[in-house]
């Protein structure tokens, strides 16, 4: 069996998983709503028009090292959002755990920069996170480091639903194909959404400190709270690790 054949089969299975994720998981659309809010916040942060308005009100815009450091971290985080969504919806759950773990580390670094406690030569210290996020990070680490046997076995359980004829001739290859599992898809999409909301909270605090006129309005915060409440209702496992929304904004 050539690599190109394996690649074609994985690509086919990934596309089918992606379609199933869009069809059967409401959390994909919920994630898009959060990304839309995040996009608006970043546009405000980068908008020359907003910068002009701030100047009109007497604010002097400075690009110091701390601001540059914070905004570079935001850019690095945002640039990977699409990749983590694809990994989840295409059924690459163990790889998605690695990406989500890094997203939580991005959140951690943003908090450190905001608090002026970041160390350039050390990994981010998750002690600054709320207990619930620490628990989620530990679970993701177990999969990312290939420690959690139960989760790894569940992610890669034997399945021949894509190519039943391969059951006798290519059993190991069939096992290598990603398979859609709604419970894991929902859970990982919910972790991704929760992390995005937490990042939005840090960005809003940053903007409120440096650009008060650009802080989120009460209407925007209320819109995000509705999404947050829906997220907690949709995934019981996330509800167990949910933070009080008031701690974020």
Foldseek 3Di string as FASTA:
>chain_A
DDPVVLVVLQVVLLVVLLVCCVVPPPLVVLLVVLVVLVVVLVCCVPPPVNVVVLVVVPADDDDDPLNVVLVVLVVVLNVCLVVLLSCLSSQVLLVSLVNLLVLVQSLQQNVCSVVVNDDPPDRRDCPVPDPLVVVSSVVSVCSNVVNPPVVVCVSQPFDCVSPVVCVPPPRPSSSPHGHHDPLSSLVSSLSSSLSSLLSLLSSLVVCCVRPVVSHDDPVSLVVVVVSLVVSCVVRVVVVVSDDDSVVSD
